[in-house]
Amino acid sequence: MAFDFKKEYREFYLPKNRPELVTVPPAAFVAVRGRGDPNEPGGAYQQAIAVLYSVAYTLRMSRKAGHEIAGFFDYVVPPLEGFWQQERPGAIDYGRKDDFRWISAIRLPDFVTPAELAWAVGTASEKKGFDCSAAEYWTVEEGLCVQMLHLGPFDDEPASVAQMDGFAREAGYVPDFTETRLHHEIYLSDARRVPPERWKTVLRHPVRPA
């Protein structure tokens, strides 16, 4: 049976729809950085997603392409994730989407090295017919965070974020946003097939003791 990150690491991918504290270990991603409104048709964000999935599935299907990766095992491509900020870390204004700076990412299995990712980027660029060179190998160590499952449209996230902030304060923690510890989202629903009121998104914020 294929390894499924969501099932094997349920505490990080399938939280409850109420806030909780979690310590997130380091993880490696294929990532694309960019700016601007993620809803812009054909914009930078949409292009980044196309690159990410092209590279991620090239890695997933590497054996069928005749490329052997040491330690390879069968796995399900993990869900899309996003790390977001605007001018000040942690200060997100959902009405100013043009001001977003984002890192769109898909988690990598441990056997994927920077060299193997470089192979996948080159192979995907050749096979798909568009440039995938924006994809990079990126390691994140989030550490202590508060997270919860948000149900509904992205623009309704502030209500869930308020719950997370209140929970953190009551537990003796404060936000700890920096240039590397960011507002983090994990997208569990396919927005093309699921209506907005049923979207499931993991929200995660870095915290530290007050």
Protein backbone atom coordinates (compact mmCIF):
# COMPACT_ATOMS: atom_id res chain seq x y z
CA MET A 1 0.00 0.00 0.00
CA ALA A 2 1.30 3.47 -0.89
CA PHE A 3 2.61 5.61 1.97
CA ASP A 4 0.14 8.43 2.66
CA PHE A 5 1.51 11.41 4.62
CA LYS A 6 -1.99 12.46 5.71
CA LYS A 7 -2.66 9.08 7.32
CA GLU A 8 0.83 8.47 8.71
CA TYR A 9 1.12 11.97 10.21
CA ARG A 10 -2.48 12.62 11.14
CA GLU A 11 -1.53 15.08 13.90
CA PHE A 12 -0.08 17.43 11.27
CA TYR A 13 -2.48 16.91 8.36
CA LEU A 14 -5.83 15.99 9.93
CA PRO A 15 -6.31 18.13 13.05
CA LYS A 16 -9.65 18.77 14.72
CA ASN A 17 -11.68 21.91 13.99
CA ARG A 18 -10.59 23.44 17.27
CA PRO A 19 -7.18 24.91 18.20
CA GLU A 20 -4.39 22.73 19.55
CA LEU A 21 -0.68 23.00 20.19
CA VAL A 22 1.68 20.93 18.09
CA THR A 23 5.45 20.67 17.65
CA VAL A 24 6.22 20.24 13.97
CA PRO A 25 9.48 18.47 13.03
CA PRO A 26 11.66 19.58 10.11
CA ALA A 27 10.34 18.72 6.66
CA ALA A 28 11.60 19.13 3.10
CA PHE A 29 9.48 20.59 0.30
CA VAL A 30 9.56 21.38 -3.36
CA ALA A 31 8.64 25.06 -3.33
CA VAL A 32 8.00 28.03 -5.60
CA ARG A 33 8.12 31.61 -4.30
CA GLY A 34 6.07 34.47 -5.62
CA ARG A 35 3.95 37.57 -5.05
CA GLY A 36 0.44 38.72 -5.84
CA ASP A 37 -3.19 37.68 -5.79
CA PRO A 38 -3.52 33.87 -5.76
CA ASN A 39 -6.92 34.18 -7.47
CA GLU A 40 -5.61 35.93 -10.58
CA PRO A 41 -6.48 33.69 -13.55
CA GLY A 42 -3.26 32.47 -15.13
CA GLY A 43 -1.24 34.52 -12.62
CA ALA A 44 2.00 33.71 -10.86
CA TYR A 45 0.33 31.60 -8.19
CA GLN A 46 -1.54 29.44 -10.68
CA GLN A 47 1.66 28.99 -12.67
CA ALA A 48 3.52 28.00 -9.49
CA ILE A 49 0.97 25.29 -8.73
CA ALA A 50 1.38 23.88 -12.23
CA VAL A 51 5.15 23.73 -11.73
CA LEU A 52 4.85 22.10 -8.31
CA TYR A 53 2.54 19.33 -9.43
CA SER A 54 4.58 18.69 -12.56
CA VAL A 55 7.74 18.22 -10.51
CA ALA A 56 6.02 16.31 -7.69
CA TYR A 57 4.47 13.77 -10.06
CA THR A 58 7.69 13.43 -12.02
CA LEU A 59 9.32 12.29 -8.77
CA ARG A 60 6.38 10.05 -7.94
CA MET A 61 6.61 8.34 -11.35
CA SER A 62 10.42 8.29 -11.54
CA ARG A 63 10.66 4.49 -11.67
CA LYS A 64 8.32 4.30 -14.66
CA ALA A 65 10.59 6.82 -16.37
CA GLY A 66 13.52 4.49 -15.79
CA HIS A 67 15.11 6.68 -13.12
CA GLU A 68 16.04 4.86 -9.90
CA ILE A 69 16.14 6.89 -6.68
CA ALA A 70 17.92 5.33 -3.70
CA GLY A 71 15.46 4.49 -0.94
CA PHE A 72 12.41 5.07 -3.14
CA PHE A 73 9.07 3.78 -1.85
CA ASP A 74 5.57 4.06 -3.26
CA TYR A 75 3.70 7.07 -1.89
CA VAL A 76 0.76 9.38 -2.38
CA VAL A 77 1.72 12.91 -3.45
CA PRO A 78 1.02 15.07 -0.35
CA PRO A 79 -1.43 17.98 -0.42
CA LEU A 80 -0.56 21.47 -1.59
CA GLU A 81 0.64 23.82 1.17
CA GLY A 82 1.11 27.58 1.34
CA PHE A 83 3.20 29.92 3.50
CA TRP A 84 1.91 33.50 3.45
CA GLN A 85 2.90 37.00 4.54
CA GLN A 86 2.49 40.66 3.63
CA GLU A 87 4.55 43.67 4.78
CA ARG A 88 4.85 42.56 8.40
CA PRO A 89 5.15 38.90 9.43
CA GLY A 90 1.83 37.65 10.79
CA ALA A 91 -0.18 40.70 9.69
CA ILE A 92 -2.53 39.30 7.03
CA ASP A 93 -5.18 41.49 5.40
CA TYR A 94 -7.43 39.26 3.29
CA GLY A 95 -8.75 42.32 1.45
CA ARG A 96 -5.31 43.10 0.01
CA LYS A 97 -4.50 39.95 -1.90
CA ASP A 98 -2.24 41.78 -4.35
CA ASP A 99 0.18 42.39 -1.47
CA PHE A 100 0.70 38.71 -0.66
CA ARG A 101 4.15 37.19 -0.65
CA TRP A 102 3.80 33.44 -0.74
CA ILE A 103 5.71 30.20 -0.88
CA SER A 104 3.67 27.44 -2.47
CA ALA A 105 4.95 23.98 -1.60
CA ILE A 106 4.45 20.21 -1.65
CA ARG A 107 6.16 18.01 0.92
CA LEU A 108 8.89 15.65 -0.27
CA PRO A 109 9.62 12.12 0.95
CA ASP A 110 12.91 11.82 2.82
CA PHE A 111 14.59 9.97 -0.04
CA VAL A 112 14.37 13.03 -2.32
CA THR A 113 17.67 14.93 -2.25
CA PRO A 114 18.43 18.30 -3.87
CA ALA A 115 20.13 16.39 -6.69
CA GLU A 116 17.07 14.22 -7.30
CA LEU A 117 14.86 17.30 -7.26
CA ALA A 118 17.11 18.91 -9.87
CA TRP A 119 16.64 15.81 -12.05
CA ALA A 120 12.84 16.08 -11.65
CA VAL A 121 12.84 19.80 -12.49
CA GLY A 122 14.78 19.18 -15.70
CA THR A 123 12.69 16.17 -16.67
CA ALA A 124 9.39 17.92 -15.97
CA SER A 125 10.45 20.97 -17.97
CA GLU A 126 11.29 18.80 -20.95
CA LYS A 127 8.18 16.62 -20.81
CA LYS A 128 5.62 19.29 -19.92
CA GLY A 129 6.98 21.88 -22.31
CA PHE A 130 7.22 24.73 -19.79
CA ASP A 131 9.94 26.02 -17.51
CA CYS A 132 9.93 24.42 -14.03
CA SER A 133 13.22 25.96 -12.90
CA ALA A 134 11.48 28.12 -10.27
CA ALA A 135 11.02 24.98 -8.16
CA GLU A 136 13.51 24.74 -5.31
CA TYR A 137 14.42 22.32 -2.52
CA TRP A 138 13.30 23.98 0.74
CA THR A 139 13.60 22.74 4.32
CA VAL A 140 11.30 24.11 7.03
CA GLU A 141 11.50 23.65 10.80
CA GLU A 142 8.29 25.11 12.20
CA GLY A 143 8.66 23.94 15.79
CA LEU A 144 5.98 24.94 18.29
CA CYS A 145 2.72 26.04 16.66
CA VAL A 146 -0.99 26.36 17.23
CA GLN A 147 -3.15 24.83 14.51
CA MET A 148 -6.73 23.90 13.67
CA LEU A 149 -8.88 22.72 10.79
CA HIS A 150 -10.72 25.59 9.10
CA LEU A 151 -13.99 24.71 7.36
CA GLY A 152 -15.23 27.03 4.63
CA PRO A 153 -13.92 29.71 2.24
CA PHE A 154 -10.44 31.17 2.62
CA ASP A 155 -11.86 34.65 3.22
CA ASP A 156 -13.56 33.32 6.38
CA GLU A 157 -10.24 32.29 7.90
CA PRO A 158 -9.96 35.32 10.24
CA ALA A 159 -12.63 33.78 12.51
CA SER A 160 -10.57 30.61 12.89
CA VAL A 161 -7.38 32.62 13.35
CA ALA A 162 -9.09 34.54 16.18
CA GLN A 163 -9.89 31.22 17.85
CA MET A 164 -6.26 30.15 17.51
CA ASP A 165 -4.98 33.44 18.94
CA GLY A 166 -7.37 33.25 21.90
CA PHE A 167 -6.44 29.65 22.62
CA ALA A 168 -2.72 30.44 22.47
CA ARG A 169 -3.04 33.39 24.89
CA GLU A 170 -5.03 31.34 27.39
CA ALA A 171 -2.39 28.62 27.21
CA GLY A 172 0.41 31.13 27.89
CA TYR A 173 1.76 31.60 24.38
CA VAL A 174 2.11 34.49 21.96
CA PRO A 175 2.54 34.61 18.16
CA ASP A 176 6.12 34.19 16.95
CA PHE A 177 6.06 35.28 13.32
CA THR A 178 9.36 36.02 11.61
CA GLU A 179 10.64 36.05 8.04
CA THR A 180 10.97 32.26 8.29
CA ARG A 181 8.05 31.38 10.64
CA LEU A 182 4.95 32.18 8.63
CA HIS A 183 1.19 31.83 8.39
CA HIS A 184 0.87 28.28 7.06
CA GLU A 185 -2.03 26.61 5.25
CA ILE A 186 -2.49 23.01 4.07
CA TYR A 187 -5.20 22.48 1.46
CA LEU A 188 -7.10 19.23 1.98
CA SER A 189 -9.86 19.94 -0.57
CA ASP A 190 -9.79 20.24 -4.34
CA ALA A 191 -11.22 23.73 -4.85
CA ARG A 192 -12.12 22.82 -8.45
CA ARG A 193 -14.51 20.07 -7.34
CA VAL A 194 -15.63 20.97 -3.81
CA PRO A 195 -17.90 23.98 -3.06
CA PRO A 196 -16.27 26.70 -0.88
CA GLU A 197 -18.49 25.99 2.12
CA ARG A 198 -16.98 22.49 2.30
CA TRP A 199 -13.32 23.40 1.86
CA LYS A 200 -11.00 21.97 4.52
CA THR A 201 -7.80 23.88 5.27
CA VAL A 202 -5.27 23.30 8.04
CA LEU A 203 -4.23 26.65 9.56
CA ARG A 204 -0.97 26.80 11.51
CA HIS A 205 0.73 29.70 13.31
CA PRO A 206 4.11 29.70 15.10
CA VAL A 207 4.02 30.53 18.82
CA ARG A 208 6.40 30.85 21.77
CA PRO A 209 5.92 31.02 25.54
CA ALA A 210 4.71 34.45 26.67
